[in-house]
């Protein structure tokens, strides 16, 4: 009969371990020692703490993810390492909620930053994400903008806005998760180079760079991630000649993004070999057959502090999500850190 070893904290029966965890309010954790597969070995119980933080301009869900067996539910089994941090502009969470839940079931990342949730806080589906094993913090508004962080470990020190910038748009969220400071952003689009929205974009980036520099001075492990609405280099566009100097690719925008990197951050994507085909991009316009023609841009980024950049083992886009029915025009980007 399968036995639970109380001295080692492992079990040879995940179902029995799940039942014990459910009884005592603990969660199942895969141990590195045994590989954490579903063969009945390599699991332990870990207390599932609840961290309560005081929200400022947003919402911290007080729903605690339940402990459920790894089979037959969407609850995530947490590995000790590596740590995966992802970003995804979902372009309406109301429309794409099931997409996100299905993706998380197949890709149980540690942290997922969402952009363009387009939901007021009272409509955010925190219960659905708790059922899937995720804590959620979020700040949103009707129809436009909106950001959120989903995390398997409880978030602390949550912030919802750029200090020193008066801005009614919900574009920033930050929290510390498992010792890593994660900042999720939905940067302004800018509309056109001669638009007042373009000036707002540059001012917004300047405020972001100042704040990130201050955060990086306090947090050795920091990730800035999200939809930046800037393609950093000509090779991050499907047609450099067409895009050069246009919105999303103009010199002032690229300089603003470079100023963020000057705070000590590294574009994790560029740590690895150049991709080919659709794997080069993170966004394809809905119009004019952008996906079918692979007319894409790389505008969603994961920027990491030196301590994390040196530990980054992979960074890639999950381009298959763009081919789904009713997809977002963006796809998830996942960075993996060996911590």
C-alpha atoms as a PDB file:
ATOM      1  CA  UNK A   1       0.000   0.000   0.000  1.00  0.00           C
ATOM      2  CA  UNK A   2       1.344   3.495  -0.792  1.00  0.00           C
ATOM      3  CA  UNK A   3       2.830   5.179   2.280  1.00  0.00           C
ATOM      4  CA  UNK A   4       3.346   8.798   3.258  1.00  0.00           C
ATOM      5  CA  UNK A   5       6.806   9.416   4.697  1.00  0.00           C
ATOM      6  CA  UNK A   6       6.282  12.107   7.352  1.00  0.00           C
ATOM      7  CA  UNK A   7      10.018  12.471   7.926  1.00  0.00           C
ATOM      8  CA  UNK A   8      10.984  13.228   4.314  1.00  0.00           C
ATOM      9  CA  UNK A   9       7.768  15.061   3.495  1.00  0.00           C
ATOM     10  CA  UNK A  10       7.104  13.010   0.361  1.00  0.00           C
ATOM     11  CA  UNK A  11       4.396  10.579  -0.569  1.00  0.00           C
ATOM     12  CA  UNK A  12       3.920   7.711  -2.948  1.00  0.00           C
ATOM     13  CA  UNK A  13       0.228   8.372  -3.455  1.00  0.00           C
ATOM     14  CA  UNK A  14      -0.801  11.813  -4.789  1.00  0.00           C
ATOM     15  CA  UNK A  15      -4.491  11.108  -4.173  1.00  0.00           C
ATOM     16  CA  UNK A  16      -3.916  10.361  -0.494  1.00  0.00           C
ATOM     17  CA  UNK A  17      -1.605  13.344  -0.188  1.00  0.00           C
ATOM     18  CA  UNK A  18      -4.205  15.579  -1.834  1.00  0.00           C
ATOM     19  CA  UNK A  19      -6.807  14.405   0.671  1.00  0.00           C
ATOM     20  CA  UNK A  20      -4.469  15.188   3.543  1.00  0.00           C
ATOM     21  CA  UNK A  21      -3.737  18.603   2.096  1.00  0.00           C
ATOM     22  CA  UNK A  22      -7.406  19.391   1.659  1.00  0.00           C
ATOM     23  CA  UNK A  23      -8.087  18.406   5.250  1.00  0.00           C
ATOM     24  CA  UNK A  24      -5.375  20.616   6.756  1.00  0.00           C
ATOM     25  CA  UNK A  25      -5.505  23.501   4.262  1.00  0.00           C
ATOM     26  CA  UNK A  26      -2.118  22.735   2.698  1.00  0.00           C
ATOM     27  CA  UNK A  27      -1.093  22.484  -0.960  1.00  0.00           C
ATOM     28  CA  UNK A  28       0.691  19.816  -3.009  1.00  0.00           C
ATOM     29  CA  UNK A  29       4.231  20.700  -4.035  1.00  0.00           C
ATOM     30  CA  UNK A  30       6.392  18.691  -6.424  1.00  0.00           C
ATOM     31  CA  UNK A  31       9.861  18.079  -5.011  1.00  0.00           C
ATOM     32  CA  UNK A  32      12.929  18.706  -7.117  1.00  0.00           C
ATOM     33  CA  UNK A  33      14.508  15.558  -5.703  1.00  0.00           C
ATOM     34  CA  UNK A  34      11.991  13.291  -7.402  1.00  0.00           C
ATOM     35  CA  UNK A  35      11.281  15.323 -10.522  1.00  0.00           C
ATOM     36  CA  UNK A  36       7.695  16.119  -9.603  1.00  0.00           C
ATOM     37  CA  UNK A  37       5.970  14.005 -12.226  1.00  0.00           C
ATOM     38  CA  UNK A  38       2.615  12.285 -11.755  1.00  0.00           C
ATOM     39  CA  UNK A  39       4.014   8.819 -11.092  1.00  0.00           C
ATOM     40  CA  UNK A  40       2.983   8.904  -7.469  1.00  0.00           C
ATOM     41  CA  UNK A  41       6.325  10.014  -6.050  1.00  0.00           C
ATOM     42  CA  UNK A  42       7.998  13.318  -5.448  1.00  0.00           C
ATOM     43  CA  UNK A  43       5.319  15.332  -3.690  1.00  0.00           C
ATOM     44  CA  UNK A  44       5.158  17.052  -0.344  1.00  0.00           C
ATOM     45  CA  UNK A  45       2.700  19.208   1.557  1.00  0.00           C
ATOM     46  CA  UNK A  46       3.391  22.869   2.087  1.00  0.00           C
ATOM     47  CA  UNK A  47       1.401  25.354   4.123  1.00  0.00           C
ATOM     48  CA  UNK A  48      -0.626  27.734   1.984  1.00  0.00           C
ATOM     49  CA  UNK A  49      -0.247  31.118   3.722  1.00  0.00           C
ATOM     50  CA  UNK A  50      -2.615  34.019   3.176  1.00  0.00           C
ATOM     51  CA  UNK A  51      -0.977  37.426   2.840  1.00  0.00           C
ATOM     52  CA  UNK A  52      -3.292  40.376   3.179  1.00  0.00           C
ATOM     53  CA  UNK A  53      -2.181  43.689   1.731  1.00  0.00           C
ATOM     54  CA  UNK A  54      -3.942  47.003   1.651  1.00  0.00           C
ATOM     55  CA  UNK A  55      -4.831  47.927  -1.955  1.00  0.00           C
ATOM     56  CA  UNK A  56      -4.227  51.422  -3.272  1.00  0.00           C
ATOM     57  CA  UNK A  57      -6.324  52.084  -6.363  1.00  0.00           C
ATOM     58  CA  UNK A  58      -6.884  48.440  -7.214  1.00  0.00           C
ATOM     59  CA  UNK A  59      -8.033  45.141  -5.756  1.00  0.00           C
ATOM     60  CA  UNK A  60      -6.301  42.273  -4.002  1.00  0.00           C
ATOM     61  CA  UNK A  61      -8.491  39.202  -4.085  1.00  0.00           C
ATOM     62  CA  UNK A  62      -8.908  37.540  -0.693  1.00  0.00           C
ATOM     63  CA  UNK A  63      -9.887  34.269  -2.325  1.00  0.00           C
ATOM     64  CA  UNK A  64      -7.350  31.588  -1.440  1.00  0.00           C
ATOM     65  CA  UNK A  65      -6.700  28.984  -4.141  1.00  0.00           C
ATOM     66  CA  UNK A  66      -8.104  25.659  -2.893  1.00  0.00           C
ATOM     67  CA  UNK A  67      -5.972  22.535  -2.496  1.00  0.00           C
ATOM     68  CA  UNK A  68      -7.199  19.890  -4.919  1.00  0.00           C
ATOM     69  CA  UNK A  69      -5.775  16.689  -6.412  1.00  0.00           C
ATOM     70  CA  UNK A  70      -3.562  17.148  -9.470  1.00  0.00           C
ATOM     71  CA  UNK A  71      -5.857  14.956 -11.558  1.00  0.00           C
ATOM     72  CA  UNK A  72      -9.311  15.994 -12.680  1.00  0.00           C
ATOM     73  CA  UNK A  73      -9.055  19.692 -11.858  1.00  0.00           C
ATOM     74  CA  UNK A  74      -7.328  22.828 -13.040  1.00  0.00           C
ATOM     75  CA  UNK A  75      -5.400  23.358  -9.814  1.00  0.00           C
ATOM     76  CA  UNK A  76      -1.682  23.748 -10.480  1.00  0.00           C
ATOM     77  CA  UNK A  77       0.978  21.532  -8.920  1.00  0.00           C
ATOM     78  CA  UNK A  78       3.814  23.841  -8.004  1.00  0.00           C
ATOM     79  CA  UNK A  79       7.428  22.991  -8.830  1.00  0.00           C
ATOM     80  CA  UNK A  80      10.196  24.414  -6.687  1.00  0.00           C
ATOM     81  CA  UNK A  81      12.217  25.586  -9.721  1.00  0.00           C
ATOM     82  CA  UNK A  82      12.673  27.032 -12.251  1.00  0.00           C
ATOM     83  CA  UNK A  83      10.479  30.103 -11.922  1.00  0.00           C
ATOM     84  CA  UNK A  84       8.408  31.060 -14.962  1.00  0.00           C
ATOM     85  CA  UNK A  85       7.104  34.604 -15.412  1.00  0.00           C
ATOM     86  CA  UNK A  86       4.793  35.362 -18.319  1.00  0.00           C
ATOM     87  CA  UNK A  87       2.993  38.308 -19.881  1.00  0.00           C
ATOM     88  CA  UNK A  88      -0.103  38.346 -22.070  1.00  0.00           C
ATOM     89  CA  UNK A  89      -2.198  41.177 -23.459  1.00  0.00           C
ATOM     90  CA  UNK A  90      -5.531  39.361 -23.629  1.00  0.00           C
ATOM     91  CA  UNK A  91      -7.480  42.218 -25.261  1.00  0.00           C
ATOM     92  CA  UNK A  92     -10.586  41.690 -23.084  1.00  0.00           C
ATOM     93  CA  UNK A  93     -10.516  39.137 -20.294  1.00  0.00           C
ATOM     94  CA  UNK A  94     -14.271  38.813 -20.550  1.00  0.00           C
ATOM     95  CA  UNK A  95     -13.831  37.381 -24.050  1.00  0.00           C
ATOM     96  CA  UNK A  96     -10.602  35.484 -23.416  1.00  0.00           C
ATOM     97  CA  UNK A  97     -11.096  34.116 -19.878  1.00  0.00           C
ATOM     98  CA  UNK A  98     -11.416  30.506 -21.019  1.00  0.00           C
ATOM     99  CA  UNK A  99      -8.358  30.950 -23.247  1.00  0.00           C
ATOM    100  CA  UNK A 100      -6.334  32.070 -20.244  1.00  0.00           C
ATOM    101  CA  UNK A 101      -7.574  29.252 -18.001  1.00  0.00           C
ATOM    102  CA  UNK A 102      -6.850  26.630 -20.645  1.00  0.00           C
ATOM    103  CA  UNK A 103      -3.398  28.059 -21.280  1.00  0.00           C
ATOM    104  CA  UNK A 104      -2.586  28.084 -17.559  1.00  0.00           C
ATOM    105  CA  UNK A 105      -3.690  24.474 -17.277  1.00  0.00           C
ATOM    106  CA  UNK A 106      -1.159  23.511 -19.950  1.00  0.00           C
ATOM    107  CA  UNK A 107       1.458  26.072 -18.926  1.00  0.00           C
ATOM    108  CA  UNK A 108       1.373  26.463 -15.123  1.00  0.00           C
ATOM    109  CA  UNK A 109       3.621  29.516 -14.887  1.00  0.00           C
ATOM    110  CA  UNK A 110       4.426  31.022 -11.510  1.00  0.00           C
ATOM    111  CA  UNK A 111       3.329  34.557 -12.432  1.00  0.00           C
ATOM    112  CA  UNK A 112       1.196  35.805 -15.319  1.00  0.00           C
ATOM    113  CA  UNK A 113       0.890  39.541 -15.996  1.00  0.00           C
ATOM    114  CA  UNK A 114      -2.259  40.420 -17.923  1.00  0.00           C
ATOM    115  CA  UNK A 115      -2.950  43.580 -19.912  1.00  0.00           C
ATOM    116  CA  UNK A 116      -6.092  45.066 -21.456  1.00  0.00           C
ATOM    117  CA  UNK A 117      -8.395  43.162 -19.132  1.00  0.00           C
ATOM    118  CA  UNK A 118     -11.038  45.826 -19.901  1.00  0.00           C
ATOM    119  CA  UNK A 119     -12.990  45.006 -16.735  1.00  0.00           C
ATOM    120  CA  UNK A 120     -13.976  46.983 -13.680  1.00  0.00           C
ATOM    121  CA  UNK A 121     -12.701  45.398 -10.479  1.00  0.00           C
ATOM    122  CA  UNK A 122     -16.115  44.080  -9.451  1.00  0.00           C
ATOM    123  CA  UNK A 123     -16.245  41.957 -12.632  1.00  0.00           C
ATOM    124  CA  UNK A 124     -12.766  40.443 -12.403  1.00  0.00           C
ATOM    125  CA  UNK A 125     -13.033  36.607 -12.324  1.00  0.00           C
ATOM    126  CA  UNK A 126     -10.893  36.096  -9.220  1.00  0.00           C
ATOM    127  CA  UNK A 127     -12.924  33.041  -8.168  1.00  0.00           C
ATOM    128  CA  UNK A 128     -12.185  31.253 -11.447  1.00  0.00           C
ATOM    129  CA  UNK A 129      -8.464  31.906 -11.099  1.00  0.00           C
ATOM    130  CA  UNK A 130      -8.501  30.845  -7.443  1.00  0.00           C
ATOM    131  CA  UNK A 131     -10.095  27.583  -8.534  1.00  0.00           C
ATOM    132  CA  UNK A 132      -7.203  27.202 -10.970  1.00  0.00           C
ATOM    133  CA  UNK A 133      -4.704  27.674  -8.146  1.00  0.00           C
ATOM    134  CA  UNK A 134      -3.850  31.351  -8.597  1.00  0.00           C
ATOM    135  CA  UNK A 135      -3.968  34.419  -6.386  1.00  0.00           C
ATOM    136  CA  UNK A 136      -4.983  37.574  -8.244  1.00  0.00           C
ATOM    137  CA  UNK A 137      -4.429  41.310  -7.869  1.00  0.00           C
ATOM    138  CA  UNK A 138      -5.908  43.690 -10.398  1.00  0.00           C
ATOM    139  CA  UNK A 139      -6.915  47.205 -11.269  1.00  0.00           C
ATOM    140  CA  UNK A 140      -9.226  47.915 -14.164  1.00  0.00           C
ATOM    141  CA  UNK A 141     -11.761  50.090 -15.881  1.00  0.00           C
ATOM    142  CA  UNK A 142     -14.605  49.611 -18.291  1.00  0.00           C
ATOM    143  CA  UNK A 143     -13.819  49.104 -22.001  1.00  0.00           C
ATOM    144  CA  UNK A 144     -10.160  50.162 -21.903  1.00  0.00           C
ATOM    145  CA  UNK A 145      -6.837  49.302 -20.272  1.00  0.00           C
ATOM    146  CA  UNK A 146      -6.752  47.218 -17.081  1.00  0.00           C
ATOM    147  CA  UNK A 147      -3.879  45.126 -15.695  1.00  0.00           C
ATOM    148  CA  UNK A 148      -3.593  42.142 -13.359  1.00  0.00           C
ATOM    149  CA  UNK A 149      -1.085  39.755 -11.826  1.00  0.00           C
ATOM    150  CA  UNK A 150      -1.909  36.091 -11.301  1.00  0.00           C
ATOM    151  CA  UNK A 151       0.489  34.172  -9.080  1.00  0.00           C
ATOM    152  CA  UNK A 152       0.734  30.753  -7.470  1.00  0.00           C
ATOM    153  CA  UNK A 153       2.368  32.215  -4.358  1.00  0.00           C
ATOM    154  CA  UNK A 154       0.546  34.977  -2.532  1.00  0.00           C
ATOM    155  CA  UNK A 155       1.618  38.484  -3.628  1.00  0.00           C
ATOM    156  CA  UNK A 156       2.782  41.135  -1.174  1.00  0.00           C
ATOM    157  CA  UNK A 157       3.634  44.860  -1.326  1.00  0.00           C
ATOM    158  CA  UNK A 158       1.120  45.507  -4.079  1.00  0.00           C
ATOM    159  CA  UNK A 159       1.058  48.811  -5.966  1.00  0.00           C
ATOM    160  CA  UNK A 160      -1.340  49.999  -8.650  1.00  0.00           C
ATOM    161  CA  UNK A 161      -0.024  53.211 -10.184  1.00  0.00           C
ATOM    162  CA  UNK A 162       3.074  55.134 -11.185  1.00  0.00           C
ATOM    163  CA  UNK A 163       4.165  57.356  -8.300  1.00  0.00           C
ATOM    164  CA  UNK A 164       4.367  61.018  -9.254  1.00  0.00           C
ATOM    165  CA  UNK A 165       2.206  60.711 -12.356  1.00  0.00           C
ATOM    166  CA  UNK A 166      -1.445  61.727 -12.325  1.00  0.00           C
ATOM    167  CA  UNK A 167      -3.072  59.226 -14.670  1.00  0.00           C
ATOM    168  CA  UNK A 168      -6.632  57.933 -14.707  1.00  0.00           C
ATOM    169  CA  UNK A 169      -5.694  55.008 -16.945  1.00  0.00           C
ATOM    170  CA  UNK A 170      -5.141  51.618 -15.297  1.00  0.00           C
ATOM    171  CA  UNK A 171      -1.770  50.637 -16.736  1.00  0.00           C
ATOM    172  CA  UNK A 172       0.532  49.564 -13.894  1.00  0.00           C
ATOM    173  CA  UNK A 173       0.533  46.849 -11.264  1.00  0.00           C
ATOM    174  CA  UNK A 174       3.387  45.572  -9.107  1.00  0.00           C
ATOM    175  CA  UNK A 175       3.825  42.946  -6.417  1.00  0.00           C
ATOM    176  CA  UNK A 176       6.501  40.833  -4.802  1.00  0.00           C
ATOM    177  CA  UNK A 177       6.055  37.109  -5.469  1.00  0.00           C
ATOM    178  CA  UNK A 178       8.399  34.483  -4.027  1.00  0.00           C
ATOM    179  CA  UNK A 179      11.115  37.075  -3.523  1.00  0.00           C
ATOM    180  CA  UNK A 180      10.848  38.548  -7.032  1.00  0.00           C
ATOM    181  CA  UNK A 181       9.501  42.041  -7.650  1.00  0.00           C
ATOM    182  CA  UNK A 182       7.178  41.788 -10.664  1.00  0.00           C
ATOM    183  CA  UNK A 183       5.951  44.927 -12.413  1.00  0.00           C
ATOM    184  CA  UNK A 184       3.292  44.498 -15.069  1.00  0.00           C
ATOM    185  CA  UNK A 185       2.636  47.344 -17.501  1.00  0.00           C
ATOM    186  CA  UNK A 186       0.369  48.241 -20.374  1.00  0.00           C
ATOM    187  CA  UNK A 187       2.240  51.118 -21.992  1.00  0.00           C
ATOM    188  CA  UNK A 188       0.388  53.753 -24.037  1.00  0.00           C
ATOM    189  CA  UNK A 189       0.075  53.201 -27.769  1.00  0.00           C
ATOM    190  CA  UNK A 190       0.656  56.808 -28.783  1.00  0.00           C
ATOM    191  CA  UNK A 191      -1.810  56.747 -31.707  1.00  0.00           C
ATOM    192  CA  UNK A 192       0.312  58.847 -34.125  1.00  0.00           C
ATOM    193  CA  UNK A 193       3.534  60.839 -34.005  1.00  0.00           C
ATOM    194  CA  UNK A 194       1.676  64.166 -34.261  1.00  0.00           C
ATOM    195  CA  UNK A 195      -0.948  63.241 -31.651  1.00  0.00           C
ATOM    196  CA  UNK A 196      -1.116  64.561 -28.074  1.00  0.00           C
ATOM    197  CA  UNK A 197      -1.291  60.884 -27.120  1.00  0.00           C
ATOM    198  CA  UNK A 198       2.266  60.497 -28.398  1.00  0.00           C
ATOM    199  CA  UNK A 199       3.512  63.165 -25.977  1.00  0.00           C
ATOM    200  CA  UNK A 200       1.597  61.402 -23.204  1.00  0.00           C
ATOM    201  CA  UNK A 201       3.335  58.144 -24.164  1.00  0.00           C
ATOM    202  CA  UNK A 202       6.812  59.654 -23.898  1.00  0.00           C
ATOM    203  CA  UNK A 203       6.000  61.355 -20.582  1.00  0.00           C
ATOM    204  CA  UNK A 204       4.584  58.085 -19.281  1.00  0.00           C
ATOM    205  CA  UNK A 205       7.748  56.179 -20.254  1.00  0.00           C
ATOM    206  CA  UNK A 206       9.912  58.798 -18.530  1.00  0.00           C
ATOM    207  CA  UNK A 207       7.919  58.421 -15.299  1.00  0.00           C
ATOM    208  CA  UNK A 208       8.140  54.637 -15.588  1.00  0.00           C
ATOM    209  CA  UNK A 209      11.929  54.713 -16.025  1.00  0.00           C
ATOM    210  CA  UNK A 210      12.340  56.920 -12.954  1.00  0.00           C
ATOM    211  CA  UNK A 211      10.181  54.635 -10.824  1.00  0.00           C
ATOM    212  CA  UNK A 212      11.776  51.408 -12.080  1.00  0.00           C
ATOM    213  CA  UNK A 213      15.225  52.774 -11.248  1.00  0.00           C
ATOM    214  CA  UNK A 214      14.043  53.400  -7.685  1.00  0.00           C
ATOM    215  CA  UNK A 215      12.471  49.936  -7.457  1.00  0.00           C
ATOM    216  CA  UNK A 216      15.618  48.273  -8.812  1.00  0.00           C
ATOM    217  CA  UNK A 217      17.665  49.958  -6.096  1.00  0.00           C
ATOM    218  CA  UNK A 218      15.514  48.196  -3.496  1.00  0.00           C
ATOM    219  CA  UNK A 219      14.792  44.873  -5.214  1.00  0.00           C
ATOM    220  CA  UNK A 220      17.728  42.829  -6.455  1.00  0.00           C
ATOM    221  CA  UNK A 221      15.391  40.432  -8.261  1.00  0.00           C
ATOM    222  CA  UNK A 222      13.070  42.486 -10.477  1.00  0.00           C
ATOM    223  CA  UNK A 223      11.120  41.824 -13.659  1.00  0.00           C
ATOM    224  CA  UNK A 224       9.380  44.501 -15.710  1.00  0.00           C
ATOM    225  CA  UNK A 225       7.020  42.896 -18.177  1.00  0.00           C
ATOM    226  CA  UNK A 226       4.001  43.604 -20.323  1.00  0.00           C
ATOM    227  CA  UNK A 227       2.868  45.210 -23.568  1.00  0.00           C
ATOM    228  CA  UNK A 228       5.297  48.071 -24.208  1.00  0.00           C
ATOM    229  CA  UNK A 229       3.892  49.103 -27.603  1.00  0.00           C
ATOM    230  CA  UNK A 230       7.455  49.516 -28.887  1.00  0.00           C
ATOM    231  CA  UNK A 231       9.373  47.255 -31.272  1.00  0.00           C
ATOM    232  CA  UNK A 232      12.994  47.774 -30.123  1.00  0.00           C
ATOM    233  CA  UNK A 233      14.837  46.982 -33.373  1.00  0.00           C
ATOM    234  CA  UNK A 234      14.124  46.787 -37.101  1.00  0.00           C
ATOM    235  CA  UNK A 235      14.395  42.978 -36.905  1.00  0.00           C
ATOM    236  CA  UNK A 236      11.493  43.004 -34.434  1.00  0.00           C
ATOM    237  CA  UNK A 237       9.160  43.931 -37.313  1.00  0.00           C
ATOM    238  CA  UNK A 238       8.005  41.894 -40.288  1.00  0.00           C
ATOM    239  CA  UNK A 239       8.907  44.722 -42.682  1.00  0.00           C
ATOM    240  CA  UNK A 240      11.592  47.114 -41.353  1.00  0.00           C
ATOM    241  CA  UNK A 241      11.338  49.486 -44.305  1.00  0.00           C
ATOM    242  CA  UNK A 242       7.588  49.828 -43.899  1.00  0.00           C
ATOM    243  CA  UNK A 243       7.691  50.345 -40.140  1.00  0.00           C
ATOM    244  CA  UNK A 244      10.790  52.495 -39.758  1.00  0.00           C
ATOM    245  CA  UNK A 245       9.857  55.868 -38.246  1.00  0.00           C
ATOM    246  CA  UNK A 246       6.195  54.955 -37.744  1.00  0.00           C
ATOM    247  CA  UNK A 247       4.292  54.687 -34.486  1.00  0.00           C
ATOM    248  CA  UNK A 248       5.607  51.810 -32.325  1.00  0.00           C
ATOM    249  CA  UNK A 249       8.955  51.995 -34.160  1.00  0.00           C
ATOM    250  CA  UNK A 250       9.911  55.679 -34.092  1.00  0.00           C
ATOM    251  CA  UNK A 251      13.283  56.879 -32.740  1.00  0.00           C
ATOM    252  CA  UNK A 252      11.723  58.668 -29.717  1.00  0.00           C
ATOM    253  CA  UNK A 253       9.834  55.526 -28.677  1.00  0.00           C
ATOM    254  CA  UNK A 254      12.871  53.306 -29.064  1.00  0.00           C
ATOM    255  CA  UNK A 255      14.928  55.800 -27.082  1.00  0.00           C
ATOM    256  CA  UNK A 256      12.308  55.728 -24.312  1.00  0.00           C
ATOM    257  CA  UNK A 257      12.516  51.945 -24.151  1.00  0.00           C
ATOM    258  CA  UNK A 258      16.312  52.108 -24.187  1.00  0.00           C
ATOM    259  CA  UNK A 259      16.155  54.422 -21.174  1.00  0.00           C
ATOM    260  CA  UNK A 260      14.367  51.638 -19.301  1.00  0.00           C
ATOM    261  CA  UNK A 261      17.161  49.244 -20.213  1.00  0.00           C
ATOM    262  CA  UNK A 262      19.659  51.832 -18.979  1.00  0.00           C
ATOM    263  CA  UNK A 263      18.300  51.301 -15.463  1.00  0.00           C
ATOM    264  CA  UNK A 264      20.142  47.964 -15.574  1.00  0.00           C
ATOM    265  CA  UNK A 265      17.448  45.776 -17.115  1.00  0.00           C
ATOM    266  CA  UNK A 266      18.040  43.200 -19.849  1.00  0.00           C
ATOM    267  CA  UNK A 267      15.653  42.230 -22.645  1.00  0.00           C
ATOM    268  CA  UNK A 268      15.478  38.482 -21.930  1.00  0.00           C
ATOM    269  CA  UNK A 269      14.402  37.687 -25.496  1.00  0.00           C
ATOM    270  CA  UNK A 270      17.726  38.913 -26.843  1.00  0.00           C
ATOM    271  CA  UNK A 271      19.707  36.544 -24.631  1.00  0.00           C
ATOM    272  CA  UNK A 272      18.850  33.724 -27.021  1.00  0.00           C
ATOM    273  CA  UNK A 273      19.185  32.965 -30.711  1.00  0.00           C
ATOM    274  CA  UNK A 274      16.977  34.796 -33.162  1.00  0.00           C
ATOM    275  CA  UNK A 275      13.725  33.002 -33.949  1.00  0.00           C
ATOM    276  CA  UNK A 276      12.290  32.384 -37.368  1.00  0.00           C
ATOM    277  CA  UNK A 277       8.848  32.745 -38.920  1.00  0.00           C
ATOM    278  CA  UNK A 278       6.009  33.509 -36.558  1.00  0.00           C
ATOM    279  CA  UNK A 279       8.213  32.823 -33.544  1.00  0.00           C
ATOM    280  CA  UNK A 280       9.877  36.217 -34.088  1.00  0.00           C
ATOM    281  CA  UNK A 281       6.822  38.214 -33.029  1.00  0.00           C
ATOM    282  CA  UNK A 282       4.281  38.671 -30.230  1.00  0.00           C
ATOM    283  CA  UNK A 283       1.548  40.720 -31.946  1.00  0.00           C
ATOM    284  CA  UNK A 284      -0.311  40.508 -35.263  1.00  0.00           C
ATOM    285  CA  UNK A 285      -2.925  43.046 -36.316  1.00  0.00           C
ATOM    286  CA  UNK A 286      -6.485  41.770 -36.738  1.00  0.00           C
ATOM    287  CA  UNK A 287      -6.743  43.839 -39.918  1.00  0.00           C
ATOM    288  CA  UNK A 288      -5.562  42.951 -43.413  1.00  0.00           C
ATOM    289  CA  UNK A 289      -4.801  39.323 -42.599  1.00  0.00           C
ATOM    290  CA  UNK A 290      -1.962  40.162 -40.240  1.00  0.00           C
ATOM    291  CA  UNK A 291      -1.748  36.648 -38.828  1.00  0.00           C
ATOM    292  CA  UNK A 292      -2.082  34.850 -42.155  1.00  0.00           C
ATOM    293  CA  UNK A 293       0.631  37.037 -43.700  1.00  0.00           C
ATOM    294  CA  UNK A 294       2.797  36.893 -40.559  1.00  0.00           C
ATOM    295  CA  UNK A 295       2.779  40.683 -40.506  1.00  0.00           C
ATOM    296  CA  UNK A 296       3.820  40.850 -36.880  1.00  0.00           C
ATOM    297  CA  UNK A 297       5.803  42.912 -34.393  1.00  0.00           C
ATOM    298  CA  UNK A 298       7.621  42.088 -31.159  1.00  0.00           C
ATOM    299  CA  UNK A 299       6.186  44.579 -28.694  1.00  0.00           C
ATOM    300  CA  UNK A 300       5.633  42.413 -25.590  1.00  0.00           C
ATOM    301  CA  UNK A 301       8.760  42.112 -23.455  1.00  0.00           C
ATOM    302  CA  UNK A 302      10.246  40.601 -20.311  1.00  0.00           C
ATOM    303  CA  UNK A 303      12.971  42.858 -18.903  1.00  0.00           C
ATOM    304  CA  UNK A 304      15.024  41.522 -15.993  1.00  0.00           C
ATOM    305  CA  UNK A 305      17.452  42.891 -13.430  1.00  0.00           C
ATOM    306  CA  UNK A 306      21.058  41.593 -13.551  1.00  0.00           C
ATOM    307  CA  UNK A 307      20.437  38.981 -10.855  1.00  0.00           C
ATOM    308  CA  UNK A 308      17.576  37.508 -12.879  1.00  0.00           C
ATOM    309  CA  UNK A 309      19.016  38.039 -16.353  1.00  0.00           C
ATOM    310  CA  UNK A 310      22.013  35.905 -15.408  1.00  0.00           C
ATOM    311  CA  UNK A 311      19.586  33.169 -14.308  1.00  0.00           C
ATOM    312  CA  UNK A 312      17.346  33.342 -17.400  1.00  0.00           C
ATOM    313  CA  UNK A 313      17.278  30.021 -19.241  1.00  0.00           C
ATOM    314  CA  UNK A 314      14.623  30.682 -21.856  1.00  0.00           C
ATOM    315  CA  UNK A 315      12.306  33.361 -23.241  1.00  0.00           C
ATOM    316  CA  UNK A 316       9.837  32.671 -26.016  1.00  0.00           C
ATOM    317  CA  UNK A 317       6.397  33.474 -27.394  1.00  0.00           C
ATOM    318  CA  UNK A 318       3.606  30.896 -27.391  1.00  0.00           C
ATOM    319  CA  UNK A 319       2.492  31.766 -30.903  1.00  0.00           C
ATOM    320  CA  UNK A 320      -0.084  28.994 -31.161  1.00  0.00           C
ATOM    321  CA  UNK A 321      -2.516  31.078 -29.111  1.00  0.00           C
ATOM    322  CA  UNK A 322      -2.883  33.514 -32.014  1.00  0.00           C
ATOM    323  CA  UNK A 323      -4.324  30.746 -34.190  1.00  0.00           C
ATOM    324  CA  UNK A 324      -7.186  29.966 -31.827  1.00  0.00           C
ATOM    325  CA  UNK A 325     -10.813  30.880 -32.386  1.00  0.00           C
ATOM    326  CA  UNK A 326     -11.460  34.457 -31.225  1.00  0.00           C
ATOM    327  CA  UNK A 327      -7.848  35.033 -30.183  1.00  0.00           C
ATOM    328  CA  UNK A 328      -6.176  38.066 -28.719  1.00  0.00           C
ATOM    329  CA  UNK A 329      -3.976  39.889 -31.197  1.00  0.00           C
ATOM    330  CA  UNK A 330      -1.084  39.251 -28.751  1.00  0.00           C
ATOM    331  CA  UNK A 331       0.352  35.941 -27.541  1.00  0.00           C
ATOM    332  CA  UNK A 332       1.895  34.988 -24.189  1.00  0.00           C
ATOM    333  CA  UNK A 333       5.622  35.522 -23.705  1.00  0.00           C
ATOM    334  CA  UNK A 334       7.258  33.311 -21.072  1.00  0.00           C
ATOM    335  CA  UNK A 335      10.667  33.756 -19.439  1.00  0.00           C
ATOM    336  CA  UNK A 336      12.195  31.003 -17.320  1.00  0.00           C
ATOM    337  CA  UNK A 337      14.620  31.657 -14.476  1.00  0.00           C
ATOM    338  CA  UNK A 338      16.729  29.048 -12.672  1.00  0.00           C
ATOM    339  CA  UNK A 339      16.545  30.335  -9.097  1.00  0.00           C
END
